[in-house]
């Protein structure tokens, strides 16, 4: 049984498994400039919709679905969404009944390449790229339960292009971030740890 409407264009599925191994999927559905972000979970008997569209403005351009589960197995989703011609980055958490927005748009410019993780307390961490002046800056933010704490661009040198963030949280709550950064025409992988 498909989880998505197979009569409509679907893309960028994001997958998480609960402790019992049942899948939860978030994906984009619809025409490229008029799509929505949806999520469903497998109950063991069939697919159950988790509310309606997650995007803040239905039937718009959306991209780059990401999904993680918090320790209570509530899904947290991130995605890009058109905001006046820019790709805005948004996050919501399923509270068991509805999708609750975690703040508003993250960052200042057009975002790309989001990476999402969650700590043992259920606080999401998000990394992404913005390109002021055409130079990629890797950004990092952590949800503190009320608002996003922006840890700013983390490039080793903000004059150098940086891309491809990947983020994880260790058991102590430290955020570990990897990315690639241009050093003299060669991209090198950088790694940085942010204490809790």
N, C-alpha and C. Protein backbone atom coordinates (compact mmCIF):
# COMPACT_ATOMS: atom_id res chain seq x y z
N UNK A 1 0.85 -1.19 0.00
CA UNK A 1 0.00 0.00 0.00
C UNK A 1 0.89 1.24 0.00
N UNK A 2 0.79 2.11 -1.00
CA UNK A 2 1.62 3.31 -1.02
C UNK A 2 1.16 4.32 0.02
N UNK A 3 2.11 5.03 0.59
CA UNK A 3 1.77 6.06 1.58
C UNK A 3 1.38 7.37 0.91
N UNK A 4 1.80 7.55 -0.35
CA UNK A 4 1.54 8.81 -1.05
C UNK A 4 0.48 8.61 -2.12
N UNK A 5 -0.08 9.71 -2.59
CA UNK A 5 -1.05 9.69 -3.67
C UNK A 5 -0.29 9.44 -4.97
N UNK A 6 -0.42 8.24 -5.53
CA UNK A 6 0.39 7.87 -6.69
C UNK A 6 -0.09 8.56 -7.97
N UNK A 7 -1.19 9.32 -7.90
CA UNK A 7 -1.66 10.07 -9.07
C UNK A 7 -0.99 11.44 -9.15
N UNK A 8 -0.23 11.80 -8.11
CA UNK A 8 0.36 13.14 -8.00
C UNK A 8 1.88 12.99 -7.86
N UNK A 9 2.62 13.92 -8.43
CA UNK A 9 4.08 13.91 -8.36
C UNK A 9 4.54 14.01 -6.91
N UNK A 10 5.40 13.09 -6.47
CA UNK A 10 5.95 13.09 -5.11
C UNK A 10 7.47 13.05 -5.18
N UNK A 11 8.14 13.61 -4.17
CA UNK A 11 9.60 13.64 -4.17
C UNK A 11 10.16 13.84 -2.77
N UNK A 12 11.46 13.71 -2.67
CA UNK A 12 12.30 13.85 -1.46
C UNK A 12 11.69 13.24 -0.21
N UNK A 13 11.48 11.92 -0.20
CA UNK A 13 11.01 11.31 1.04
C UNK A 13 12.10 11.33 2.11
N UNK A 14 11.67 11.56 3.34
CA UNK A 14 12.55 11.48 4.51
C UNK A 14 11.96 10.41 5.42
N UNK A 15 12.80 9.54 5.95
CA UNK A 15 12.35 8.35 6.67
C UNK A 15 12.95 8.29 8.06
N UNK A 16 12.12 7.89 9.03
CA UNK A 16 12.60 7.56 10.38
C UNK A 16 11.87 6.29 10.82
N UNK A 17 12.49 5.52 11.69
CA UNK A 17 11.88 4.31 12.22
C UNK A 17 11.67 4.46 13.72
N UNK A 18 10.49 4.04 14.22
CA UNK A 18 10.27 4.07 15.67
C UNK A 18 10.95 2.87 16.30
N UNK A 19 10.83 2.73 17.62
CA UNK A 19 11.54 1.67 18.34
C UNK A 19 11.09 0.28 17.89
N UNK A 20 9.86 0.18 17.38
CA UNK A 20 9.34 -1.10 16.90
C UNK A 20 9.69 -1.34 15.43
N UNK A 21 10.42 -0.40 14.83
CA UNK A 21 10.82 -0.55 13.44
C UNK A 21 9.77 -0.11 12.44
N UNK A 22 8.70 0.54 12.91
CA UNK A 22 7.65 1.03 12.00
C UNK A 22 8.10 2.35 11.38
N UNK A 23 7.92 2.49 10.06
CA UNK A 23 8.37 3.70 9.38
C UNK A 23 7.44 4.89 9.58
N UNK A 24 8.06 6.05 9.61
CA UNK A 24 7.38 7.34 9.53
C UNK A 24 8.04 8.06 8.37
N UNK A 25 7.24 8.60 7.46
CA UNK A 25 7.76 9.20 6.25
C UNK A 25 7.20 10.60 6.09
N UNK A 26 8.06 11.55 5.75
CA UNK A 26 7.64 12.89 5.34
C UNK A 26 8.10 13.06 3.90
N UNK A 27 7.30 13.71 3.09
CA UNK A 27 7.65 13.87 1.69
C UNK A 27 6.94 15.09 1.11
N UNK A 28 7.34 15.44 -0.11
CA UNK A 28 6.73 16.55 -0.84
C UNK A 28 5.82 15.97 -1.91
N UNK A 29 4.65 16.59 -2.07
CA UNK A 29 3.71 16.08 -3.04
C UNK A 29 3.04 17.23 -3.79
N UNK A 30 2.99 17.11 -5.10
CA UNK A 30 2.36 18.12 -5.93
C UNK A 30 3.32 18.63 -7.00
N UNK A 31 2.83 19.52 -7.83
CA UNK A 31 3.69 20.14 -8.84
C UNK A 31 4.77 20.97 -8.14
N UNK A 32 5.91 21.14 -8.80
CA UNK A 32 7.08 21.75 -8.16
C UNK A 32 6.75 23.10 -7.52
N UNK A 33 5.99 23.95 -8.19
CA UNK A 33 5.69 25.28 -7.65
C UNK A 33 4.40 25.32 -6.84
N UNK A 34 3.76 24.16 -6.66
CA UNK A 34 2.50 24.11 -5.90
C UNK A 34 2.43 22.79 -5.15
N UNK A 35 3.35 22.63 -4.20
CA UNK A 35 3.47 21.37 -3.46
C UNK A 35 3.17 21.57 -1.98
N UNK A 36 3.05 20.44 -1.28
CA UNK A 36 2.86 20.43 0.16
C UNK A 36 3.77 19.39 0.78
N UNK A 37 4.09 19.60 2.07
CA UNK A 37 4.85 18.63 2.85
C UNK A 37 3.84 17.81 3.65
N UNK A 38 3.90 16.50 3.53
CA UNK A 38 3.01 15.60 4.26
C UNK A 38 3.82 14.61 5.07
N UNK A 39 3.18 14.01 6.06
CA UNK A 39 3.82 12.96 6.84
C UNK A 39 2.78 11.89 7.19
N UNK A 40 3.24 10.64 7.17
CA UNK A 40 2.40 9.51 7.56
C UNK A 40 3.24 8.53 8.35
N UNK A 41 2.57 7.71 9.16
CA UNK A 41 3.26 6.64 9.87
C UNK A 41 2.53 5.33 9.62
N UNK A 42 3.31 4.25 9.65
CA UNK A 42 2.76 2.92 9.49
C UNK A 42 2.32 2.42 10.85
N UNK A 43 1.07 2.01 10.98
CA UNK A 43 0.52 1.56 12.26
C UNK A 43 0.70 0.07 12.48
N UNK A 44 1.12 -0.64 11.44
CA UNK A 44 1.15 -2.09 11.48
C UNK A 44 -0.01 -2.65 10.67
N UNK A 45 -1.03 -1.83 10.50
CA UNK A 45 -2.21 -2.22 9.72
C UNK A 45 -2.34 -1.41 8.43
N UNK A 46 -1.87 -0.15 8.48
CA UNK A 46 -1.99 0.73 7.33
C UNK A 46 -1.30 2.05 7.62
N UNK A 47 -1.36 2.96 6.64
CA UNK A 47 -0.72 4.27 6.77
C UNK A 47 -1.68 5.26 7.40
N UNK A 48 -1.20 5.95 8.43
CA UNK A 48 -1.99 6.97 9.14
C UNK A 48 -1.38 8.34 8.87
N UNK A 49 -2.22 9.26 8.38
CA UNK A 49 -1.75 10.62 8.13
C UNK A 49 -1.47 11.33 9.45
N UNK A 50 -0.38 12.05 9.50
CA UNK A 50 -0.06 12.90 10.65
C UNK A 50 -0.47 14.32 10.27
N UNK A 51 -1.73 14.63 10.50
CA UNK A 51 -2.25 15.96 10.18
C UNK A 51 -2.29 16.22 8.69
N UNK A 52 -2.45 17.50 8.36
CA UNK A 52 -2.46 17.93 6.96
C UNK A 52 -1.11 18.45 6.55
N UNK A 53 -1.06 19.34 5.57
CA UNK A 53 0.23 19.88 5.11
C UNK A 53 1.00 20.58 6.24
N UNK A 54 2.31 20.36 6.26
CA UNK A 54 3.16 20.99 7.27
C UNK A 54 3.58 22.39 6.86
N UNK A 55 3.72 22.65 5.55
CA UNK A 55 4.26 23.93 5.12
C UNK A 55 3.38 25.08 5.60
N UNK A 56 4.05 26.21 5.87
CA UNK A 56 3.36 27.37 6.42
C UNK A 56 2.38 27.98 5.42
N UNK A 57 2.70 27.88 4.13
CA UNK A 57 1.83 28.38 3.07
C UNK A 57 1.54 27.22 2.13
N UNK A 58 0.33 26.64 2.19
CA UNK A 58 0.02 25.48 1.35
C UNK A 58 0.16 25.79 -0.14
N UNK A 59 0.43 24.73 -0.89
CA UNK A 59 0.50 24.79 -2.35
C UNK A 59 1.51 25.83 -2.85
N UNK A 60 2.74 25.68 -2.39
CA UNK A 60 3.82 26.57 -2.79
C UNK A 60 5.05 25.72 -3.12
N UNK A 61 6.14 26.36 -3.47
CA UNK A 61 7.39 25.64 -3.70
C UNK A 61 7.95 25.18 -2.36
N UNK A 62 8.21 23.89 -2.23
CA UNK A 62 8.85 23.32 -1.05
C UNK A 62 9.93 22.35 -1.51
N UNK A 63 10.92 22.12 -0.66
CA UNK A 63 12.04 21.25 -1.03
C UNK A 63 12.72 20.70 0.21
N UNK A 64 13.60 19.71 0.01
CA UNK A 64 14.58 19.25 1.00
C UNK A 64 13.96 18.80 2.32
N UNK A 65 13.05 17.82 2.26
CA UNK A 65 12.43 17.29 3.47
C UNK A 65 13.45 16.58 4.34
N UNK A 66 13.41 16.84 5.65
CA UNK A 66 14.24 16.13 6.63
C UNK A 66 13.34 15.68 7.77
N UNK A 67 13.68 14.56 8.44
CA UNK A 67 12.83 14.00 9.49
C UNK A 67 13.68 13.27 10.51
N UNK A 68 13.43 13.53 11.80
CA UNK A 68 14.03 12.79 12.90
C UNK A 68 12.93 12.53 13.93
N UNK A 69 13.17 11.61 14.86
CA UNK A 69 12.24 11.35 15.96
C UNK A 69 12.88 11.80 17.26
N UNK A 70 12.07 12.43 18.12
CA UNK A 70 12.58 12.79 19.45
C UNK A 70 12.50 11.55 20.36
N UNK A 71 12.99 11.63 21.60
CA UNK A 71 12.99 10.44 22.46
C UNK A 71 11.59 9.88 22.75
N UNK A 72 10.56 10.69 22.61
CA UNK A 72 9.18 10.21 22.77
C UNK A 72 8.61 9.69 21.46
N UNK A 73 9.45 9.61 20.44
CA UNK A 73 9.10 9.14 19.11
C UNK A 73 8.14 10.07 18.39
N UNK A 74 8.14 11.35 18.76
CA UNK A 74 7.40 12.35 18.01
C UNK A 74 8.28 12.82 16.85
N UNK A 75 7.75 12.83 15.63
CA UNK A 75 8.55 13.29 14.50
C UNK A 75 8.81 14.80 14.57
N UNK A 76 9.99 15.18 14.11
CA UNK A 76 10.36 16.57 13.90
C UNK A 76 10.77 16.67 12.43
N UNK A 77 10.14 17.59 11.71
CA UNK A 77 10.40 17.73 10.28
C UNK A 77 10.96 19.11 9.98
N UNK A 78 11.85 19.16 9.00
CA UNK A 78 12.40 20.42 8.49
C UNK A 78 12.27 20.39 6.98
N UNK A 79 12.12 21.56 6.39
CA UNK A 79 12.00 21.66 4.94
C UNK A 79 12.28 23.10 4.51
N UNK A 80 12.50 23.26 3.21
CA UNK A 80 12.64 24.58 2.59
C UNK A 80 11.30 24.96 1.96
N UNK A 81 10.98 26.25 2.05
CA UNK A 81 9.70 26.74 1.52
C UNK A 81 9.89 28.14 0.97
N UNK A 82 9.23 28.40 -0.15
CA UNK A 82 9.35 29.72 -0.78
C UNK A 82 8.84 30.83 0.14
N UNK A 83 9.69 31.84 0.34
CA UNK A 83 9.31 33.05 1.08
C UNK A 83 9.73 34.23 0.21
N UNK A 84 8.80 34.76 -0.52
CA UNK A 84 9.07 35.91 -1.39
C UNK A 84 10.27 35.69 -2.31
N UNK A 85 10.33 34.50 -2.90
CA UNK A 85 11.40 34.20 -3.85
C UNK A 85 12.67 33.64 -3.25
N UNK A 86 12.72 33.50 -1.93
CA UNK A 86 13.87 32.87 -1.27
C UNK A 86 13.45 31.54 -0.68
N UNK A 87 14.41 30.63 -0.53
CA UNK A 87 14.14 29.35 0.12
C UNK A 87 14.29 29.52 1.63
N UNK A 88 13.16 29.64 2.31
CA UNK A 88 13.16 29.76 3.77
C UNK A 88 13.19 28.39 4.42
N UNK A 89 13.81 28.29 5.58
CA UNK A 89 13.96 27.03 6.30
C UNK A 89 13.02 27.02 7.50
N UNK A 90 12.23 25.95 7.64
CA UNK A 90 11.22 25.85 8.69
C UNK A 90 11.28 24.49 9.37
N UNK A 91 10.81 24.44 10.63
CA UNK A 91 10.80 23.20 11.41
C UNK A 91 9.49 23.12 12.18
N UNK A 92 8.93 21.91 12.25
CA UNK A 92 7.75 21.65 13.08
C UNK A 92 7.90 20.31 13.77
N UNK A 93 7.20 20.18 14.93
CA UNK A 93 7.20 18.93 15.70
C UNK A 93 5.76 18.42 15.82
N UNK A 94 5.58 17.12 15.63
CA UNK A 94 4.28 16.48 15.84
C UNK A 94 4.12 16.24 17.34
N UNK A 95 3.05 16.80 17.94
CA UNK A 95 2.85 16.65 19.39
C UNK A 95 1.93 15.50 19.75
N UNK A 96 1.58 14.70 18.76
CA UNK A 96 0.65 13.60 18.96
C UNK A 96 -0.73 13.90 18.41
N UNK A 97 -1.01 15.19 18.21
CA UNK A 97 -2.30 15.62 17.68
C UNK A 97 -2.16 16.52 16.45
N UNK A 98 -1.11 17.35 16.44
CA UNK A 98 -0.95 18.34 15.38
C UNK A 98 0.53 18.70 15.23
N UNK A 99 0.85 19.33 14.10
CA UNK A 99 2.20 19.84 13.87
C UNK A 99 2.32 21.22 14.53
N UNK A 100 3.30 21.35 15.40
CA UNK A 100 3.54 22.60 16.13
C UNK A 100 4.78 23.26 15.54
N UNK A 101 4.66 24.47 14.99
CA UNK A 101 5.84 25.16 14.46
C UNK A 101 6.87 25.42 15.56
N UNK A 102 8.13 25.17 15.26
CA UNK A 102 9.22 25.52 16.18
C UNK A 102 9.81 26.82 15.66
N UNK A 103 9.27 27.91 16.16
CA UNK A 103 9.73 29.23 15.72
C UNK A 103 9.28 29.51 14.30
N UNK A 104 9.86 30.56 13.74
CA UNK A 104 9.56 30.95 12.37
C UNK A 104 10.68 30.52 11.45
N UNK A 105 10.89 31.29 10.43
CA UNK A 105 11.93 31.01 9.46
C UNK A 105 13.31 31.13 10.10
N UNK A 106 14.19 30.18 9.79
CA UNK A 106 15.57 30.23 10.28
C UNK A 106 16.45 30.93 9.26
N UNK A 107 17.41 31.66 9.75
CA UNK A 107 18.38 32.30 8.88
C UNK A 107 17.86 33.58 8.27
N UNK A 108 18.71 34.19 7.46
CA UNK A 108 18.39 35.49 6.86
C UNK A 108 18.24 35.42 5.35
N UNK A 109 19.03 34.56 4.73
CA UNK A 109 19.01 34.49 3.28
C UNK A 109 18.39 33.20 2.80
N UNK A 110 18.53 32.95 1.52
CA UNK A 110 18.03 31.72 0.93
C UNK A 110 18.85 30.56 1.47
N UNK A 111 18.17 29.53 1.93
CA UNK A 111 18.83 28.38 2.57
C UNK A 111 18.90 27.20 1.61
N UNK A 112 19.86 26.32 1.86
CA UNK A 112 19.96 25.07 1.11
C UNK A 112 20.62 24.03 2.01
N UNK A 113 20.56 22.77 1.57
CA UNK A 113 21.27 21.65 2.18
C UNK A 113 21.03 21.50 3.68
N UNK A 114 19.76 21.51 4.16
CA UNK A 114 19.55 21.37 5.60
C UNK A 114 19.95 19.99 6.10
N UNK A 115 20.46 19.96 7.33
CA UNK A 115 20.78 18.72 8.04
C UNK A 115 20.16 18.82 9.42
N UNK A 116 19.47 17.78 9.86
CA UNK A 116 18.67 17.82 11.08
C UNK A 116 19.06 16.67 12.00
N UNK A 117 19.18 16.98 13.29
CA UNK A 117 19.44 15.97 14.32
C UNK A 117 18.65 16.37 15.56
N UNK A 118 18.62 15.49 16.56
CA UNK A 118 17.91 15.79 17.80
C UNK A 118 18.74 15.26 18.97
N UNK A 119 18.73 15.99 20.10
CA UNK A 119 19.48 15.53 21.27
C UNK A 119 18.60 14.66 22.16
N UNK A 120 19.17 14.12 23.23
CA UNK A 120 18.45 13.18 24.10
C UNK A 120 17.30 13.84 24.84
N UNK A 121 17.28 15.18 24.91
CA UNK A 121 16.17 15.90 25.53
C UNK A 121 15.10 16.27 24.51
N UNK A 122 15.28 15.87 23.27
CA UNK A 122 14.29 16.14 22.25
C UNK A 122 14.42 17.49 21.57
N UNK A 123 15.55 18.16 21.79
CA UNK A 123 15.77 19.47 21.16
C UNK A 123 16.44 19.28 19.81
N UNK A 124 15.80 19.78 18.73
CA UNK A 124 16.42 19.62 17.41
C UNK A 124 17.60 20.57 17.21
N UNK A 125 18.49 20.15 16.35
CA UNK A 125 19.64 20.93 15.91
C UNK A 125 19.60 20.93 14.39
N UNK A 126 19.86 22.09 13.80
CA UNK A 126 19.74 22.22 12.36
C UNK A 126 20.97 22.92 11.80
N UNK A 127 21.52 22.38 10.73
CA UNK A 127 22.60 23.03 9.99
C UNK A 127 22.12 23.25 8.56
N UNK A 128 22.61 24.31 7.94
CA UNK A 128 22.21 24.62 6.57
C UNK A 128 23.23 25.58 5.96
N UNK A 129 23.07 25.84 4.66
CA UNK A 129 23.98 26.72 3.93
C UNK A 129 23.21 27.95 3.47
N UNK A 130 23.82 29.13 3.63
CA UNK A 130 23.37 30.36 3.00
C UNK A 130 24.54 30.90 2.19
N UNK A 131 24.26 31.74 1.18
CA UNK A 131 25.30 32.17 0.26
C UNK A 131 25.37 33.69 0.13
N UNK A 132 25.73 34.40 1.17
CA UNK A 132 25.89 35.85 0.99
C UNK A 132 27.04 36.14 0.04
N UNK A 133 26.78 36.94 -0.98
CA UNK A 133 27.82 37.25 -1.96
C UNK A 133 28.27 36.07 -2.78
N UNK A 134 27.47 34.98 -2.78
CA UNK A 134 27.82 33.80 -3.56
C UNK A 134 28.78 32.85 -2.87
N UNK A 135 29.19 33.17 -1.64
CA UNK A 135 30.10 32.31 -0.88
C UNK A 135 29.29 31.53 0.15
N UNK A 136 29.38 30.21 0.11
CA UNK A 136 28.61 29.38 1.03
C UNK A 136 29.07 29.53 2.46
N UNK A 137 28.11 29.80 3.34
CA UNK A 137 28.35 29.83 4.78
C UNK A 137 27.52 28.73 5.42
N UNK A 138 28.15 27.87 6.20
CA UNK A 138 27.44 26.84 6.94
C UNK A 138 26.96 27.46 8.24
N UNK A 139 25.64 27.34 8.48
CA UNK A 139 25.02 27.88 9.69
C UNK A 139 24.56 26.75 10.58
N UNK A 140 24.45 27.04 11.86
CA UNK A 140 24.04 26.04 12.84
C UNK A 140 23.14 26.71 13.87
N UNK A 141 22.04 26.04 14.21
CA UNK A 141 21.13 26.56 15.24
C UNK A 141 20.60 25.40 16.07
N UNK A 142 20.32 25.71 17.34
CA UNK A 142 19.82 24.70 18.29
C UNK A 142 18.56 25.24 18.95
N UNK A 143 17.52 24.42 19.00
CA UNK A 143 16.27 24.77 19.64
C UNK A 143 16.45 24.60 21.15
N UNK A 144 16.11 25.63 21.94
CA UNK A 144 16.29 25.54 23.39
C UNK A 144 14.99 25.24 24.13
N UNK A 145 13.95 24.95 23.38
CA UNK A 145 12.63 24.70 23.97
C UNK A 145 11.68 25.85 23.75
N UNK A 146 12.24 27.04 23.49
CA UNK A 146 11.43 28.23 23.26
C UNK A 146 11.76 28.93 21.94
N UNK A 147 13.05 28.92 21.61
CA UNK A 147 13.50 29.66 20.43
C UNK A 147 14.76 29.00 19.87
N UNK A 148 15.14 29.41 18.67
CA UNK A 148 16.36 28.90 18.06
C UNK A 148 17.55 29.73 18.53
N UNK A 149 18.57 29.05 19.04
CA UNK A 149 19.83 29.69 19.40
C UNK A 149 20.76 29.55 18.20
N UNK A 150 20.99 30.65 17.50
CA UNK A 150 21.79 30.60 16.28
C UNK A 150 23.27 30.65 16.66
N UNK A 151 24.00 29.63 16.29
CA UNK A 151 25.42 29.57 16.56
C UNK A 151 26.23 30.19 15.43
N UNK A 152 25.51 30.80 14.49
CA UNK A 152 26.15 31.61 13.45
C UNK A 152 26.83 30.82 12.36
N UNK A 153 27.37 31.52 11.37
CA UNK A 153 28.19 30.83 10.38
C UNK A 153 29.40 30.20 11.07
N UNK A 154 29.72 28.98 10.69
CA UNK A 154 30.79 28.25 11.38
C UNK A 154 31.99 27.96 10.49
N UNK A 155 32.00 28.50 9.26
CA UNK A 155 33.17 28.30 8.40
C UNK A 155 34.44 28.62 9.17
N UNK A 156 35.51 27.92 8.86
CA UNK A 156 36.81 28.26 9.45
C UNK A 156 37.20 29.68 9.03
N UNK A 157 36.85 30.02 7.77
CA UNK A 157 37.14 31.36 7.24
C UNK A 157 35.93 31.76 6.40
N UNK A 158 35.25 32.84 6.77
CA UNK A 158 34.02 33.24 6.08
C UNK A 158 34.26 33.72 4.65
N UNK A 159 35.52 33.90 4.27
CA UNK A 159 35.82 34.26 2.88
C UNK A 159 35.87 33.03 1.99
N UNK A 160 35.88 31.84 2.60
CA UNK A 160 35.97 30.59 1.85
C UNK A 160 34.60 29.93 1.73
N UNK A 161 34.35 29.35 0.58
CA UNK A 161 33.09 28.66 0.31
C UNK A 161 32.99 27.39 1.15
N UNK A 162 31.83 27.21 1.80
CA UNK A 162 31.60 26.01 2.60
C UNK A 162 30.24 25.43 2.24
N UNK A 163 30.13 24.10 2.24
CA UNK A 163 28.93 23.39 1.78
C UNK A 163 28.75 22.09 2.55
N UNK A 164 27.65 21.41 2.25
CA UNK A 164 27.39 20.01 2.62
C UNK A 164 27.44 19.74 4.12
N UNK A 165 26.69 20.47 4.95
CA UNK A 165 26.74 20.19 6.38
C UNK A 165 26.09 18.86 6.73
N UNK A 166 26.64 18.22 7.76
CA UNK A 166 26.08 17.03 8.37
C UNK A 166 26.20 17.20 9.87
N UNK A 167 25.12 16.91 10.60
CA UNK A 167 25.11 17.20 12.03
C UNK A 167 24.64 16.00 12.83
N UNK A 168 25.21 15.84 14.01
CA UNK A 168 24.81 14.78 14.95
C UNK A 168 24.96 15.34 16.37
N UNK A 169 24.32 14.67 17.31
CA UNK A 169 24.43 15.06 18.72
C UNK A 169 24.88 13.84 19.50
N UNK A 170 25.97 13.99 20.30
CA UNK A 170 26.47 12.85 21.06
C UNK A 170 25.69 12.71 22.37
N UNK A 171 25.90 11.62 23.12
CA UNK A 171 25.12 11.39 24.33
C UNK A 171 25.25 12.48 25.40
N UNK A 172 26.36 13.24 25.38
CA UNK A 172 26.53 14.32 26.37
C UNK A 172 25.74 15.57 25.98
N UNK A 173 25.20 15.58 24.76
CA UNK A 173 24.49 16.75 24.27
C UNK A 173 25.32 17.66 23.41
N UNK A 174 26.59 17.30 23.18
CA UNK A 174 27.44 18.11 22.31
C UNK A 174 27.02 17.91 20.86
N UNK A 175 27.00 19.01 20.13
CA UNK A 175 26.68 18.97 18.71
C UNK A 175 27.97 18.77 17.94
N UNK A 176 27.98 17.82 17.02
CA UNK A 176 29.14 17.57 16.18
C UNK A 176 28.72 17.87 14.74
N UNK A 177 29.47 18.76 14.10
CA UNK A 177 29.14 19.24 12.77
C UNK A 177 30.29 18.95 11.82
N UNK A 178 29.98 18.40 10.66
CA UNK A 178 30.97 18.21 9.59
C UNK A 178 30.49 19.00 8.37
N UNK A 179 31.43 19.49 7.59
CA UNK A 179 31.12 20.19 6.34
C UNK A 179 32.37 20.19 5.47
N UNK A 180 32.21 20.65 4.22
CA UNK A 180 33.38 20.79 3.35
C UNK A 180 33.62 22.28 3.12
N UNK A 181 34.91 22.65 3.10
CA UNK A 181 35.27 24.05 2.94
C UNK A 181 36.44 24.18 1.98
N UNK A 182 36.34 25.16 1.09
CA UNK A 182 37.35 25.40 0.06
C UNK A 182 38.62 25.98 0.70
N UNK A 183 39.73 25.28 0.53
CA UNK A 183 41.02 25.77 1.00
C UNK A 183 41.98 25.78 -0.18
N UNK A 184 42.11 26.95 -0.80
CA UNK A 184 43.03 27.07 -1.93
C UNK A 184 42.61 26.27 -3.14
N UNK A 185 41.30 26.18 -3.38
CA UNK A 185 40.81 25.46 -4.55
C UNK A 185 40.53 23.99 -4.32
N UNK A 186 40.80 23.49 -3.10
CA UNK A 186 40.52 22.09 -2.76
C UNK A 186 39.56 22.07 -1.57
N UNK A 187 38.45 21.38 -1.74
CA UNK A 187 37.52 21.26 -0.61
C UNK A 187 38.03 20.21 0.36
N UNK A 188 38.09 20.60 1.63
CA UNK A 188 38.52 19.69 2.69
C UNK A 188 37.38 19.55 3.69
N UNK A 189 37.28 18.38 4.29
CA UNK A 189 36.25 18.14 5.29
C UNK A 189 36.69 18.73 6.62
N UNK A 190 35.81 19.50 7.21
CA UNK A 190 36.06 20.10 8.53
C UNK A 190 35.12 19.44 9.54
N UNK A 191 35.56 19.41 10.77
CA UNK A 191 34.75 18.82 11.84
C UNK A 191 34.89 19.72 13.07
N UNK A 192 33.76 19.99 13.71
CA UNK A 192 33.79 20.86 14.88
C UNK A 192 32.78 20.37 15.90
N UNK A 193 33.15 20.44 17.17
CA UNK A 193 32.28 20.02 18.27
C UNK A 193 31.86 21.25 19.07
N UNK A 194 30.57 21.32 19.36
CA UNK A 194 30.00 22.41 20.15
C UNK A 194 29.48 21.82 21.45
N UNK A 195 30.07 22.24 22.55
CA UNK A 195 29.68 21.68 23.86
C UNK A 195 28.24 22.08 24.19
N UNK A 196 27.54 21.27 25.02
CA UNK A 196 26.15 21.61 25.36
C UNK A 196 26.03 22.88 26.15
